């Protein structure tokens, strides 16, 4: 498990031009990841794996450079090895040894809800890890999009929209219950923007499926 996650993160770092010339040693990553999960388990720290590693447990082809969790403040007190580099009301970024760890805090009521109600045990190698569900991932991605639009962070917008597209294509999901849930946690204008985005995603998915069917028919006709 740790080896696979370390390889994913190493690849994410290696393919990011900002990191060229300063690649992290695989052994350092492997040791940090193994130590992190052993620490979480031995101290019985309740965590929820989210982010890119969680995505990769459902779909292929996703790079990531860190590990993402939902944690409570109390849980963070039990993890003093995490050196905090950046912090706001809902989010913490830190280093656990040579590993970057991003934390969504349960002080945010939506993150707390995801932590409580949208988890599943998934097997990563020889370790069972508490991981966010597909629906939980979709909720988190959609919730983040309006803020990313405002920041003009369109690299991450594109990444998150593609994540949602891949999840919906592989795991068809009724979005209306998700929209009803998000009404409690988002501005009406933000929710409308998210609805428009998912409408675009649905059209993209229809185009993908149409092209696939057309090309399949062309191949059959040629035989």
N, C-alpha and C. Protein backbone atom coordinates (compact mmCIF):
# COMPACT_ATOMS: atom_id res chain seq x y z
N UNK A 1 0.83 -1.21 0.00
CA UNK A 1 0.00 0.00 0.00
C UNK A 1 0.86 1.25 0.00
N UNK A 2 1.77 1.37 0.96
CA UNK A 2 2.61 2.55 1.06
C UNK A 2 3.46 2.74 -0.19
N UNK A 3 3.97 1.62 -0.73
CA UNK A 3 4.80 1.69 -1.94
C UNK A 3 4.00 2.25 -3.11
N UNK A 4 2.75 1.79 -3.27
CA UNK A 4 1.92 2.27 -4.38
C UNK A 4 1.62 3.76 -4.24
N UNK A 5 1.27 4.21 -3.03
CA UNK A 5 0.97 5.62 -2.82
C UNK A 5 2.23 6.46 -3.03
N UNK A 6 3.37 5.98 -2.55
CA UNK A 6 4.63 6.71 -2.73
C UNK A 6 4.95 6.87 -4.21
N UNK A 7 4.71 5.83 -5.01
CA UNK A 7 4.99 5.90 -6.44
C UNK A 7 4.09 6.92 -7.11
N UNK A 8 2.81 6.97 -6.72
CA UNK A 8 1.87 7.93 -7.28
C UNK A 8 2.34 9.36 -6.99
N UNK A 9 2.70 9.62 -5.74
CA UNK A 9 3.13 10.96 -5.36
C UNK A 9 4.45 11.31 -6.03
N UNK A 10 5.37 10.36 -6.10
CA UNK A 10 6.65 10.62 -6.76
C UNK A 10 6.42 10.99 -8.22
N UNK A 11 5.52 10.27 -8.90
CA UNK A 11 5.23 10.59 -10.30
C UNK A 11 4.61 11.97 -10.43
N UNK A 12 3.70 12.30 -9.50
CA UNK A 12 3.09 13.63 -9.53
C UNK A 12 4.13 14.73 -9.39
N UNK A 13 5.09 14.53 -8.51
CA UNK A 13 6.17 15.51 -8.31
C UNK A 13 7.08 15.56 -9.53
N UNK A 14 7.40 14.40 -10.07
CA UNK A 14 8.35 14.34 -11.18
C UNK A 14 7.82 15.00 -12.43
N UNK A 15 6.49 14.90 -12.66
CA UNK A 15 5.91 15.46 -13.87
C UNK A 15 5.53 16.93 -13.72
N UNK A 16 5.75 17.51 -12.55
CA UNK A 16 5.51 18.93 -12.33
C UNK A 16 6.82 19.67 -12.55
N UNK A 17 6.84 20.53 -13.58
CA UNK A 17 8.08 21.19 -13.98
C UNK A 17 8.67 22.02 -12.84
N UNK A 18 7.84 22.50 -11.91
CA UNK A 18 8.33 23.31 -10.79
C UNK A 18 9.29 22.51 -9.92
N UNK A 19 9.16 21.18 -9.95
CA UNK A 19 9.98 20.35 -9.07
C UNK A 19 11.22 19.79 -9.75
N UNK A 20 11.41 20.11 -11.03
CA UNK A 20 12.55 19.54 -11.74
C UNK A 20 13.84 20.05 -11.11
N UNK A 21 14.76 19.13 -10.92
CA UNK A 21 16.03 19.48 -10.29
C UNK A 21 16.01 19.23 -8.79
N UNK A 22 14.83 18.95 -8.22
CA UNK A 22 14.76 18.72 -6.78
C UNK A 22 13.83 17.59 -6.44
N UNK A 23 13.90 16.51 -7.21
CA UNK A 23 12.98 15.39 -7.01
C UNK A 23 13.19 14.74 -5.65
N UNK A 24 12.09 14.34 -5.02
CA UNK A 24 12.16 13.70 -3.71
C UNK A 24 12.52 12.22 -3.87
N UNK A 25 13.37 11.74 -3.00
CA UNK A 25 13.77 10.34 -3.05
C UNK A 25 12.58 9.43 -2.73
N UNK A 26 12.45 8.35 -3.51
CA UNK A 26 11.34 7.41 -3.32
C UNK A 26 11.37 6.82 -1.92
N UNK A 27 12.56 6.48 -1.44
CA UNK A 27 12.67 5.87 -0.12
C UNK A 27 12.18 6.79 0.98
N UNK A 28 12.45 8.09 0.85
CA UNK A 28 11.97 9.06 1.84
C UNK A 28 10.45 9.13 1.85
N UNK A 29 9.86 9.15 0.65
CA UNK A 29 8.40 9.17 0.55
C UNK A 29 7.80 7.91 1.16
N UNK A 30 8.35 6.78 0.80
CA UNK A 30 7.84 5.50 1.29
C UNK A 30 7.88 5.46 2.81
N UNK A 31 8.98 5.89 3.40
CA UNK A 31 9.11 5.87 4.86
C UNK A 31 8.12 6.82 5.52
N UNK A 32 7.93 8.01 4.93
CA UNK A 32 7.01 8.99 5.50
C UNK A 32 5.57 8.50 5.45
N UNK A 33 5.18 7.89 4.33
CA UNK A 33 3.80 7.40 4.19
C UNK A 33 3.54 6.25 5.15
N UNK A 34 4.48 5.32 5.23
CA UNK A 34 4.33 4.19 6.15
C UNK A 34 4.23 4.69 7.59
N UNK A 35 5.09 5.64 7.94
CA UNK A 35 5.08 6.19 9.30
C UNK A 35 3.78 6.91 9.59
N UNK A 36 3.26 7.65 8.60
CA UNK A 36 2.02 8.41 8.79
C UNK A 36 0.86 7.47 9.13
N UNK A 37 0.68 6.41 8.35
CA UNK A 37 -0.48 5.54 8.58
C UNK A 37 -0.30 4.69 9.84
N UNK A 38 0.92 4.30 10.13
CA UNK A 38 1.16 3.59 11.39
C UNK A 38 0.82 4.49 12.58
N UNK A 39 1.21 5.77 12.49
CA UNK A 39 0.93 6.72 13.56
C UNK A 39 -0.58 6.93 13.73
N UNK A 40 -1.28 7.12 12.62
CA UNK A 40 -2.73 7.31 12.68
C UNK A 40 -3.41 6.12 13.34
N UNK A 41 -2.99 4.93 12.98
CA UNK A 41 -3.63 3.73 13.50
C UNK A 41 -3.26 3.48 14.96
N UNK A 42 -1.99 3.65 15.30
CA UNK A 42 -1.56 3.34 16.67
C UNK A 42 -2.17 4.30 17.68
N UNK A 43 -2.44 5.54 17.25
CA UNK A 43 -3.04 6.53 18.15
C UNK A 43 -4.56 6.60 18.01
N UNK A 44 -5.09 5.72 17.17
CA UNK A 44 -6.54 5.64 16.95
C UNK A 44 -7.11 7.01 16.56
N UNK A 45 -6.42 7.67 15.66
CA UNK A 45 -6.86 8.97 15.15
C UNK A 45 -7.87 8.74 14.04
N UNK A 46 -9.05 9.31 14.19
CA UNK A 46 -10.09 9.14 13.18
C UNK A 46 -9.81 10.07 12.01
N UNK A 47 -9.59 9.50 10.84
CA UNK A 47 -9.29 10.28 9.64
C UNK A 47 -10.16 9.77 8.50
N UNK A 48 -10.30 10.61 7.47
CA UNK A 48 -10.97 10.20 6.24
C UNK A 48 -10.06 10.58 5.09
N UNK A 49 -9.66 9.61 4.29
CA UNK A 49 -8.83 9.86 3.12
C UNK A 49 -9.68 10.47 2.01
N UNK A 50 -9.26 11.62 1.51
CA UNK A 50 -9.94 12.29 0.41
C UNK A 50 -8.88 12.67 -0.64
N UNK A 51 -9.24 13.55 -1.60
CA UNK A 51 -8.25 14.06 -2.53
C UNK A 51 -7.84 13.06 -3.60
N UNK A 52 -6.62 13.30 -4.15
CA UNK A 52 -6.18 12.55 -5.31
C UNK A 52 -5.98 11.08 -5.07
N UNK A 53 -5.45 10.69 -3.91
CA UNK A 53 -5.26 9.26 -3.63
C UNK A 53 -6.61 8.55 -3.54
N UNK A 54 -7.58 9.20 -2.90
CA UNK A 54 -8.93 8.62 -2.85
C UNK A 54 -9.51 8.50 -4.27
N UNK A 55 -9.30 9.55 -5.10
CA UNK A 55 -9.77 9.50 -6.49
C UNK A 55 -9.21 8.28 -7.20
N UNK A 56 -7.91 8.03 -7.01
CA UNK A 56 -7.26 6.93 -7.70
C UNK A 56 -7.74 5.56 -7.25
N UNK A 57 -8.43 5.50 -6.14
CA UNK A 57 -9.02 4.23 -5.74
C UNK A 57 -10.30 3.94 -6.52
N UNK A 58 -10.79 4.94 -7.25
CA UNK A 58 -12.02 4.78 -8.04
C UNK A 58 -11.78 4.89 -9.55
N UNK A 59 -10.85 5.76 -9.97
CA UNK A 59 -10.59 5.97 -11.40
C UNK A 59 -9.07 5.99 -11.62
N UNK A 60 -8.66 5.79 -12.87
CA UNK A 60 -7.25 5.76 -13.20
C UNK A 60 -6.82 7.11 -13.79
N UNK A 61 -5.49 7.27 -13.89
CA UNK A 61 -4.94 8.38 -14.64
C UNK A 61 -4.89 9.70 -13.92
N UNK A 62 -4.86 9.71 -12.60
CA UNK A 62 -4.84 10.95 -11.81
C UNK A 62 -3.50 11.07 -11.10
N UNK A 63 -2.81 12.20 -11.28
CA UNK A 63 -1.58 12.46 -10.53
C UNK A 63 -1.90 13.28 -9.28
N UNK A 64 -1.10 13.12 -8.26
CA UNK A 64 -1.23 13.95 -7.06
C UNK A 64 0.13 14.05 -6.39
N UNK A 65 0.33 15.11 -5.62
CA UNK A 65 1.62 15.35 -4.99
C UNK A 65 1.53 15.32 -3.46
N UNK A 66 0.39 14.94 -2.92
CA UNK A 66 0.22 14.97 -1.47
C UNK A 66 -0.83 13.95 -1.05
N UNK A 67 -1.05 13.88 0.25
CA UNK A 67 -2.13 13.08 0.80
C UNK A 67 -3.10 14.02 1.49
N UNK A 68 -4.40 13.80 1.25
CA UNK A 68 -5.44 14.67 1.78
C UNK A 68 -6.33 13.90 2.76
N UNK A 69 -6.62 14.55 3.88
CA UNK A 69 -7.50 13.96 4.88
C UNK A 69 -8.56 14.97 5.31
N UNK A 70 -9.65 14.47 5.86
CA UNK A 70 -10.52 15.26 6.73
C UNK A 70 -10.20 14.85 8.15
N UNK A 71 -9.92 15.85 8.99
CA UNK A 71 -9.54 15.61 10.38
C UNK A 71 -10.18 16.68 11.27
N UNK A 72 -10.35 16.36 12.52
CA UNK A 72 -10.79 17.35 13.51
C UNK A 72 -9.57 18.04 14.12
N UNK A 73 -9.80 19.17 14.76
CA UNK A 73 -8.72 19.85 15.49
C UNK A 73 -8.16 18.95 16.59
N UNK A 74 -9.05 18.22 17.23
CA UNK A 74 -8.60 17.31 18.30
C UNK A 74 -7.66 16.26 17.73
N UNK A 75 -7.98 15.74 16.56
CA UNK A 75 -7.13 14.75 15.93
C UNK A 75 -5.75 15.34 15.62
N UNK A 76 -5.72 16.60 15.19
CA UNK A 76 -4.45 17.24 14.89
C UNK A 76 -3.58 17.39 16.13
N UNK A 77 -4.22 17.60 17.27
CA UNK A 77 -3.46 17.68 18.52
C UNK A 77 -2.75 16.36 18.82
N UNK A 78 -3.31 15.27 18.33
CA UNK A 78 -2.71 13.96 18.53
C UNK A 78 -1.68 13.63 17.46
N UNK A 79 -1.43 14.58 16.56
CA UNK A 79 -0.48 14.37 15.47
C UNK A 79 0.51 15.54 15.42
N UNK A 80 1.29 15.74 16.48
CA UNK A 80 2.20 16.88 16.53
C UNK A 80 3.33 16.80 15.51
N UNK A 81 3.55 15.62 14.93
CA UNK A 81 4.60 15.48 13.91
C UNK A 81 4.26 16.24 12.63
N UNK A 82 2.97 16.59 12.45
CA UNK A 82 2.58 17.36 11.26
C UNK A 82 2.97 18.82 11.48
N UNK A 83 3.96 19.28 10.73
CA UNK A 83 4.45 20.65 10.84
C UNK A 83 3.58 21.54 9.95
N UNK A 84 2.80 22.44 10.57
CA UNK A 84 1.85 23.26 9.83
C UNK A 84 2.57 24.41 9.11
N UNK A 85 2.32 24.51 7.81
CA UNK A 85 2.93 25.54 6.99
C UNK A 85 1.94 26.63 6.59
N UNK A 86 0.68 26.26 6.49
CA UNK A 86 -0.37 27.17 6.02
C UNK A 86 -1.67 26.79 6.69
N UNK A 87 -2.46 27.79 7.06
CA UNK A 87 -3.67 27.47 7.82
C UNK A 87 -4.72 28.55 7.62
N UNK A 88 -5.98 28.12 7.48
CA UNK A 88 -7.11 29.04 7.59
C UNK A 88 -8.23 28.33 8.32
N UNK A 89 -9.41 28.88 8.30
CA UNK A 89 -10.51 28.34 9.12
C UNK A 89 -10.86 26.90 8.75
N UNK A 90 -10.79 26.57 7.47
CA UNK A 90 -11.25 25.26 7.00
C UNK A 90 -10.13 24.33 6.57
N UNK A 91 -8.90 24.82 6.50
CA UNK A 91 -7.86 24.08 5.79
C UNK A 91 -6.50 24.24 6.45
N UNK A 92 -5.72 23.17 6.43
CA UNK A 92 -4.34 23.21 6.90
C UNK A 92 -3.46 22.48 5.89
N UNK A 93 -2.31 23.06 5.61
CA UNK A 93 -1.29 22.37 4.81
C UNK A 93 -0.05 22.22 5.67
N UNK A 94 0.50 21.01 5.68
CA UNK A 94 1.68 20.79 6.50
C UNK A 94 2.57 19.71 5.92
N UNK A 95 3.66 19.46 6.59
CA UNK A 95 4.58 18.40 6.21
C UNK A 95 4.67 17.36 7.32
N UNK A 96 4.56 16.11 6.93
CA UNK A 96 4.84 14.99 7.83
C UNK A 96 6.12 14.36 7.29
N UNK A 97 7.23 14.70 7.90
CA UNK A 97 8.51 14.31 7.32
C UNK A 97 8.66 14.95 5.96
N UNK A 98 8.93 14.15 4.94
CA UNK A 98 9.11 14.66 3.58
C UNK A 98 7.81 14.68 2.79
N UNK A 99 6.71 14.38 3.44
CA UNK A 99 5.42 14.23 2.77
C UNK A 99 4.52 15.44 3.01
N UNK A 100 3.96 16.00 1.94
CA UNK A 100 2.98 17.08 2.10
C UNK A 100 1.61 16.47 2.43
N UNK A 101 0.97 17.02 3.44
CA UNK A 101 -0.35 16.56 3.87
C UNK A 101 -1.28 17.77 3.91
N UNK A 102 -2.41 17.67 3.21
CA UNK A 102 -3.45 18.70 3.24
C UNK A 102 -4.62 18.19 4.07
N UNK A 103 -5.15 19.06 4.92
CA UNK A 103 -6.21 18.66 5.85
C UNK A 103 -7.41 19.59 5.70
N UNK A 104 -8.58 19.00 5.47
CA UNK A 104 -9.86 19.71 5.56
C UNK A 104 -10.37 19.52 6.98
N UNK A 105 -10.70 20.61 7.63
CA UNK A 105 -11.05 20.57 9.05
C UNK A 105 -12.55 20.37 9.26
N UNK A 106 -12.89 19.56 10.24
CA UNK A 106 -14.30 19.28 10.51
C UNK A 106 -15.03 20.46 11.14
N UNK A 107 -14.30 21.55 11.43
CA UNK A 107 -14.98 22.77 11.86
C UNK A 107 -15.94 23.25 10.79
N UNK A 108 -15.59 22.99 9.53
CA UNK A 108 -16.50 23.22 8.42
C UNK A 108 -17.59 22.15 8.47
N UNK A 109 -18.84 22.58 8.56
CA UNK A 109 -19.94 21.63 8.79
C UNK A 109 -20.12 20.63 7.65
N UNK A 110 -19.85 21.06 6.42
CA UNK A 110 -19.97 20.11 5.31
C UNK A 110 -18.87 19.05 5.40
N UNK A 111 -17.64 19.47 5.72
CA UNK A 111 -16.55 18.50 5.85
C UNK A 111 -16.85 17.53 6.99
N UNK A 112 -17.44 18.03 8.06
CA UNK A 112 -17.80 17.16 9.17
C UNK A 112 -18.86 16.15 8.74
N UNK A 113 -19.83 16.60 7.95
CA UNK A 113 -20.87 15.70 7.45
C UNK A 113 -20.26 14.61 6.56
N UNK A 114 -19.36 15.00 5.67
CA UNK A 114 -18.70 14.02 4.81
C UNK A 114 -17.95 13.01 5.67
N UNK A 115 -17.26 13.50 6.67
CA UNK A 115 -16.48 12.63 7.57
C UNK A 115 -17.38 11.63 8.28
N UNK A 116 -18.57 12.05 8.67
CA UNK A 116 -19.46 11.20 9.44
C UNK A 116 -20.27 10.23 8.58
N UNK A 117 -20.68 10.67 7.37
CA UNK A 117 -21.69 9.92 6.62
C UNK A 117 -21.24 9.38 5.27
N UNK A 118 -20.08 9.80 4.78
CA UNK A 118 -19.68 9.41 3.42
C UNK A 118 -18.32 8.70 3.45
N UNK A 119 -18.24 7.63 4.20
CA UNK A 119 -16.99 6.89 4.31
C UNK A 119 -17.21 5.42 4.00
N UNK A 120 -16.13 4.78 3.57
CA UNK A 120 -16.15 3.35 3.29
C UNK A 120 -14.75 2.82 3.56
N UNK A 121 -14.66 1.59 4.03
CA UNK A 121 -13.35 0.97 4.21
C UNK A 121 -12.88 0.42 2.87
N UNK A 122 -11.70 0.85 2.43
CA UNK A 122 -11.14 0.35 1.18
C UNK A 122 -9.78 -0.27 1.46
N UNK A 123 -9.50 -1.32 0.72
CA UNK A 123 -8.24 -2.04 0.91
C UNK A 123 -7.16 -1.44 0.03
N UNK A 124 -6.10 -0.95 0.65
CA UNK A 124 -4.93 -0.47 -0.05
C UNK A 124 -3.78 -1.41 0.30
N UNK A 125 -3.53 -2.38 -0.58
CA UNK A 125 -2.51 -3.38 -0.26
C UNK A 125 -2.92 -4.19 0.96
N UNK A 126 -2.06 -4.18 1.98
CA UNK A 126 -2.36 -4.96 3.19
C UNK A 126 -3.03 -4.12 4.28
N UNK A 127 -3.44 -2.90 3.94
CA UNK A 127 -4.01 -2.01 4.96
C UNK A 127 -5.42 -1.58 4.57
N UNK A 128 -6.35 -1.64 5.51
CA UNK A 128 -7.70 -1.14 5.31
C UNK A 128 -7.75 0.32 5.74
N UNK A 129 -8.17 1.18 4.82
CA UNK A 129 -8.14 2.62 5.06
C UNK A 129 -9.55 3.19 4.96
N UNK A 130 -9.87 4.08 5.88
CA UNK A 130 -11.17 4.77 5.85
C UNK A 130 -11.13 5.84 4.77
N UNK A 131 -11.90 5.63 3.72
CA UNK A 131 -11.82 6.45 2.50
C UNK A 131 -13.19 7.05 2.18
N UNK A 132 -13.18 8.24 1.57
CA UNK A 132 -14.42 8.88 1.18
C UNK A 132 -15.10 8.08 0.07
N UNK A 133 -16.43 8.10 0.04
CA UNK A 133 -17.19 7.43 -1.01
C UNK A 133 -17.17 8.25 -2.29
N UNK A 134 -17.62 7.64 -3.38
CA UNK A 134 -17.74 8.35 -4.66
C UNK A 134 -18.62 9.58 -4.50
N UNK A 135 -19.80 9.41 -3.87
CA UNK A 135 -20.70 10.54 -3.70
C UNK A 135 -20.05 11.63 -2.87
N UNK A 136 -19.32 11.24 -1.82
CA UNK A 136 -18.63 12.23 -1.01
C UNK A 136 -17.59 13.01 -1.80
N UNK A 137 -16.85 12.32 -2.66
CA UNK A 137 -15.88 12.99 -3.51
C UNK A 137 -16.54 14.00 -4.44
N UNK A 138 -17.65 13.60 -5.05
CA UNK A 138 -18.37 14.52 -5.96
C UNK A 138 -18.82 15.76 -5.19
N UNK A 139 -19.36 15.57 -3.99
CA UNK A 139 -19.80 16.71 -3.18
C UNK A 139 -18.64 17.65 -2.89
N UNK A 140 -17.50 17.11 -2.48
CA UNK A 140 -16.34 17.94 -2.16
C UNK A 140 -15.84 18.71 -3.37
N UNK A 141 -15.80 18.05 -4.53
CA UNK A 141 -15.32 18.71 -5.74
C UNK A 141 -16.26 19.85 -6.14
N UNK A 142 -17.56 19.59 -6.12
CA UNK A 142 -18.52 20.62 -6.51
C UNK A 142 -18.51 21.78 -5.52
N UNK A 143 -18.38 21.48 -4.25
CA UNK A 143 -18.35 22.52 -3.22
C UNK A 143 -17.14 23.44 -3.40
N UNK A 144 -16.03 22.89 -3.86
CA UNK A 144 -14.80 23.68 -4.01
C UNK A 144 -14.81 24.56 -5.25
N UNK A 145 -15.58 24.22 -6.26
CA UNK A 145 -15.48 24.90 -7.55
C UNK A 145 -15.75 26.40 -7.51
N UNK A 146 -16.82 26.90 -6.86
CA UNK A 146 -17.05 28.35 -6.88
C UNK A 146 -15.88 29.16 -6.35
N UNK A 147 -15.25 28.69 -5.28
CA UNK A 147 -14.09 29.40 -4.74
C UNK A 147 -12.94 29.42 -5.75
N UNK A 148 -12.75 28.31 -6.45
CA UNK A 148 -11.69 28.25 -7.46
C UNK A 148 -12.00 29.17 -8.63
N UNK A 149 -13.27 29.27 -9.02
CA UNK A 149 -13.66 30.22 -10.07
C UNK A 149 -13.28 31.64 -9.67
N UNK A 150 -13.62 32.01 -8.43
CA UNK A 150 -13.35 33.37 -7.97
C UNK A 150 -11.85 33.66 -7.95
N UNK A 151 -11.05 32.67 -7.56
CA UNK A 151 -9.60 32.85 -7.49
C UNK A 151 -8.96 32.88 -8.88
N UNK A 152 -9.70 32.48 -9.90
CA UNK A 152 -9.12 32.35 -11.23
C UNK A 152 -8.15 31.18 -11.31
N UNK A 153 -8.32 30.20 -10.44
CA UNK A 153 -7.43 29.04 -10.39
C UNK A 153 -7.95 27.98 -11.38
N UNK A 154 -7.79 28.29 -12.67
CA UNK A 154 -8.46 27.47 -13.67
C UNK A 154 -7.74 26.15 -13.96
N UNK A 155 -6.47 26.04 -13.58
CA UNK A 155 -5.82 24.73 -13.66
C UNK A 155 -6.53 23.74 -12.74
N UNK A 156 -6.80 24.19 -11.51
CA UNK A 156 -7.47 23.30 -10.56
C UNK A 156 -8.95 23.14 -10.91
N UNK A 157 -9.58 24.19 -11.45
CA UNK A 157 -10.96 24.07 -11.92
C UNK A 157 -11.06 22.95 -12.95
N UNK A 158 -10.15 22.98 -13.92
CA UNK A 158 -10.16 21.96 -14.96
C UNK A 158 -9.96 20.56 -14.38
N UNK A 159 -9.05 20.46 -13.41
CA UNK A 159 -8.78 19.18 -12.77
C UNK A 159 -10.02 18.66 -12.04
N UNK A 160 -10.67 19.53 -11.26
CA UNK A 160 -11.83 19.10 -10.48
C UNK A 160 -13.01 18.76 -11.38
N UNK A 161 -13.22 19.56 -12.43
CA UNK A 161 -14.32 19.25 -13.35
C UNK A 161 -14.07 17.91 -14.04
N UNK A 162 -12.82 17.64 -14.39
CA UNK A 162 -12.49 16.36 -15.00
C UNK A 162 -12.68 15.22 -14.01
N UNK A 163 -12.33 15.45 -12.74
CA UNK A 163 -12.56 14.43 -11.70
C UNK A 163 -14.04 14.06 -11.63
N UNK A 164 -14.89 15.10 -11.59
CA UNK A 164 -16.34 14.85 -11.51
C UNK A 164 -16.82 14.09 -12.74
N UNK A 165 -16.33 14.49 -13.90
CA UNK A 165 -16.72 13.82 -15.15
C UNK A 165 -16.36 12.33 -15.09
N UNK A 166 -15.13 12.03 -14.69
CA UNK A 166 -14.70 10.63 -14.63
C UNK A 166 -15.52 9.82 -13.63
N UNK A 167 -15.79 10.42 -12.47
CA UNK A 167 -16.58 9.71 -11.47
C UNK A 167 -17.99 9.42 -11.96
N UNK A 168 -18.61 10.42 -12.61
CA UNK A 168 -19.98 10.23 -13.08
C UNK A 168 -20.05 9.23 -14.23
N UNK A 169 -19.01 9.19 -15.06
CA UNK A 169 -19.02 8.24 -16.17
C UNK A 169 -18.88 6.81 -15.66
N UNK A 170 -18.05 6.61 -14.64
CA UNK A 170 -17.82 5.26 -14.13
C UNK A 170 -18.86 4.85 -13.09
N UNK A 171 -19.37 5.84 -12.35
CA UNK A 171 -20.33 5.57 -11.28
C UNK A 171 -21.53 6.51 -11.45
N UNK A 172 -22.46 6.18 -12.36
CA UNK A 172 -23.62 7.06 -12.58
C UNK A 172 -24.30 7.41 -11.25
N UNK A 173 -24.50 8.71 -11.05
CA UNK A 173 -24.97 9.22 -9.77
C UNK A 173 -26.07 10.25 -10.00
N UNK A 174 -27.16 10.13 -9.26
CA UNK A 174 -28.22 11.13 -9.30
C UNK A 174 -27.72 12.38 -8.57
N UNK A 175 -27.61 13.50 -9.28
CA UNK A 175 -27.05 14.72 -8.70
C UNK A 175 -28.06 15.53 -7.89
N UNK A 176 -29.34 15.29 -8.08
CA UNK A 176 -30.34 16.13 -7.39
C UNK A 176 -30.23 16.03 -5.86
N UNK A 177 -30.05 14.84 -5.28
CA UNK A 177 -29.84 14.80 -3.82
C UNK A 177 -28.59 15.57 -3.39
N UNK A 178 -27.56 15.57 -4.22
CA UNK A 178 -26.35 16.31 -3.90
C UNK A 178 -26.62 17.81 -3.92
N UNK A 179 -27.37 18.27 -4.91
CA UNK A 179 -27.71 19.70 -4.96
C UNK A 179 -28.54 20.10 -3.75
N UNK A 180 -29.48 19.24 -3.36
CA UNK A 180 -30.31 19.57 -2.20
C UNK A 180 -29.46 19.65 -0.94
N UNK A 181 -28.47 18.78 -0.82
CA UNK A 181 -27.58 18.84 0.33
C UNK A 181 -26.75 20.13 0.30
N UNK A 182 -26.22 20.47 -0.87
CA UNK A 182 -25.36 21.64 -0.98
C UNK A 182 -26.10 22.96 -0.75
N UNK A 183 -27.42 22.96 -0.92
CA UNK A 183 -28.21 24.17 -0.65
C UNK A 183 -27.96 24.71 0.75
N UNK A 184 -27.70 23.82 1.69
CA UNK A 184 -27.50 24.21 3.08
C UNK A 184 -26.14 24.88 3.29
N UNK A 185 -25.18 24.59 2.42
CA UNK A 185 -23.80 24.98 2.67
C UNK A 185 -23.25 25.98 1.65
N UNK A 186 -24.04 26.34 0.63
CA UNK A 186 -23.54 27.20 -0.43
C UNK A 186 -24.49 28.36 -0.68
N UNK A 187 -23.93 29.47 -1.15
CA UNK A 187 -24.75 30.57 -1.62
C UNK A 187 -25.57 30.11 -2.83
N UNK A 188 -26.75 30.71 -2.99
CA UNK A 188 -27.60 30.33 -4.12
C UNK A 188 -26.89 30.54 -5.45
N UNK A 189 -26.15 31.66 -5.55
CA UNK A 189 -25.44 31.95 -6.80
C UNK A 189 -24.34 30.92 -7.07
N UNK A 190 -23.69 30.45 -5.99
CA UNK A 190 -22.64 29.44 -6.15
C UNK A 190 -23.25 28.11 -6.60
N UNK A 191 -24.38 27.77 -6.00
CA UNK A 191 -25.04 26.52 -6.37
C UNK A 191 -25.50 26.56 -7.82
N UNK A 192 -25.97 27.73 -8.26
CA UNK A 192 -26.39 27.87 -9.66
C UNK A 192 -25.20 27.66 -10.59
N UNK A 193 -24.05 28.21 -10.21
CA UNK A 193 -22.85 28.03 -11.02
C UNK A 193 -22.48 26.55 -11.10
N UNK A 194 -22.61 25.85 -9.98
CA UNK A 194 -22.30 24.42 -9.95
C UNK A 194 -23.27 23.64 -10.83
N UNK A 195 -24.55 24.01 -10.78
CA UNK A 195 -25.54 23.35 -11.64
C UNK A 195 -25.19 23.54 -13.12
N UNK A 196 -24.77 24.75 -13.48
CA UNK A 196 -24.40 25.01 -14.87
C UNK A 196 -23.18 24.18 -15.27
N UNK A 197 -22.25 24.04 -14.35
CA UNK A 197 -21.07 23.22 -14.62
C UNK A 197 -21.46 21.77 -14.85
N UNK A 198 -22.33 21.24 -14.01
CA UNK A 198 -22.71 19.83 -14.18
C UNK A 198 -23.55 19.63 -15.44
N UNK A 199 -24.29 20.65 -15.86
CA UNK A 199 -24.99 20.57 -17.15
C UNK A 199 -23.98 20.43 -18.29
N UNK A 200 -22.90 21.21 -18.22
CA UNK A 200 -21.84 21.11 -19.23
C UNK A 200 -21.20 19.73 -19.20
N UNK A 201 -20.98 19.21 -17.99
CA UNK A 201 -20.38 17.88 -17.85
C UNK A 201 -21.28 16.81 -18.46
N UNK A 202 -22.58 16.92 -18.23
CA UNK A 202 -23.51 15.94 -18.81
C UNK A 202 -23.46 15.97 -20.33
N UNK A 203 -23.36 17.18 -20.91
CA UNK A 203 -23.26 17.29 -22.37
C UNK A 203 -21.96 16.67 -22.87
N UNK A 204 -20.87 16.89 -22.12
CA UNK A 204 -19.58 16.30 -22.48
C UNK A 204 -19.67 14.78 -22.45
N UNK A 205 -20.32 14.24 -21.42
CA UNK A 205 -20.46 12.79 -21.31
C UNK A 205 -21.29 12.23 -22.46
N UNK A 206 -22.35 12.94 -22.83
CA UNK A 206 -23.18 12.51 -23.96
C UNK A 206 -22.37 12.48 -25.25
N UNK A 207 -21.48 13.50 -25.41
CA UNK A 207 -20.63 13.55 -26.60
C UNK A 207 -19.65 12.38 -26.61
N UNK A 208 -19.04 12.09 -25.46
CA UNK A 208 -18.13 10.95 -25.37
C UNK A 208 -18.83 9.66 -25.77
N UNK A 209 -20.03 9.46 -25.22
CA UNK A 209 -20.76 8.23 -25.47
C UNK A 209 -21.21 8.13 -26.93
N UNK A 210 -21.59 9.30 -27.49
CA UNK A 210 -22.00 9.33 -28.90
C UNK A 210 -20.84 9.00 -29.82
N UNK A 211 -19.67 9.58 -29.52
CA UNK A 211 -18.50 9.31 -30.35
C UNK A 211 -18.09 7.85 -30.26
N UNK A 212 -18.17 7.30 -29.05
CA UNK A 212 -17.81 5.89 -28.88
C UNK A 212 -18.74 5.00 -29.69
N UNK A 213 -20.04 5.30 -29.60
CA UNK A 213 -21.01 4.48 -30.33
C UNK A 213 -20.80 4.60 -31.83
N UNK A 214 -20.54 5.82 -32.31
CA UNK A 214 -20.34 6.03 -33.74
C UNK A 214 -19.12 5.27 -34.24
N UNK A 215 -18.02 5.34 -33.47
CA UNK A 215 -16.79 4.67 -33.89
C UNK A 215 -16.93 3.14 -33.79
N UNK A 216 -17.67 2.67 -32.78
CA UNK A 216 -17.93 1.24 -32.67
C UNK A 216 -18.72 0.75 -33.88
N UNK A 217 -19.72 1.54 -34.29
CA UNK A 217 -20.54 1.17 -35.45
C UNK A 217 -19.70 1.17 -36.72
N UNK A 218 -18.78 2.16 -36.83
CA UNK A 218 -17.93 2.24 -38.02
C UNK A 218 -17.01 1.02 -38.10
N UNK A 219 -16.50 0.59 -36.93
CA UNK A 219 -15.62 -0.58 -36.90
C UNK A 219 -16.38 -1.83 -37.29
N UNK A 220 -17.62 -1.93 -36.82
CA UNK A 220 -18.44 -3.11 -37.14
C UNK A 220 -18.76 -3.15 -38.63
N UNK A 221 -19.03 -1.99 -39.21
CA UNK A 221 -19.37 -1.92 -40.64
C UNK A 221 -18.17 -2.30 -41.51
N UNK A 222 -16.96 -2.01 -41.00
CA UNK A 222 -15.76 -2.27 -41.80
C UNK A 222 -15.39 -3.75 -41.82
N UNK A 223 -15.93 -4.54 -40.88
CA UNK A 223 -15.58 -5.95 -40.79
C UNK A 223 -16.36 -6.79 -41.82
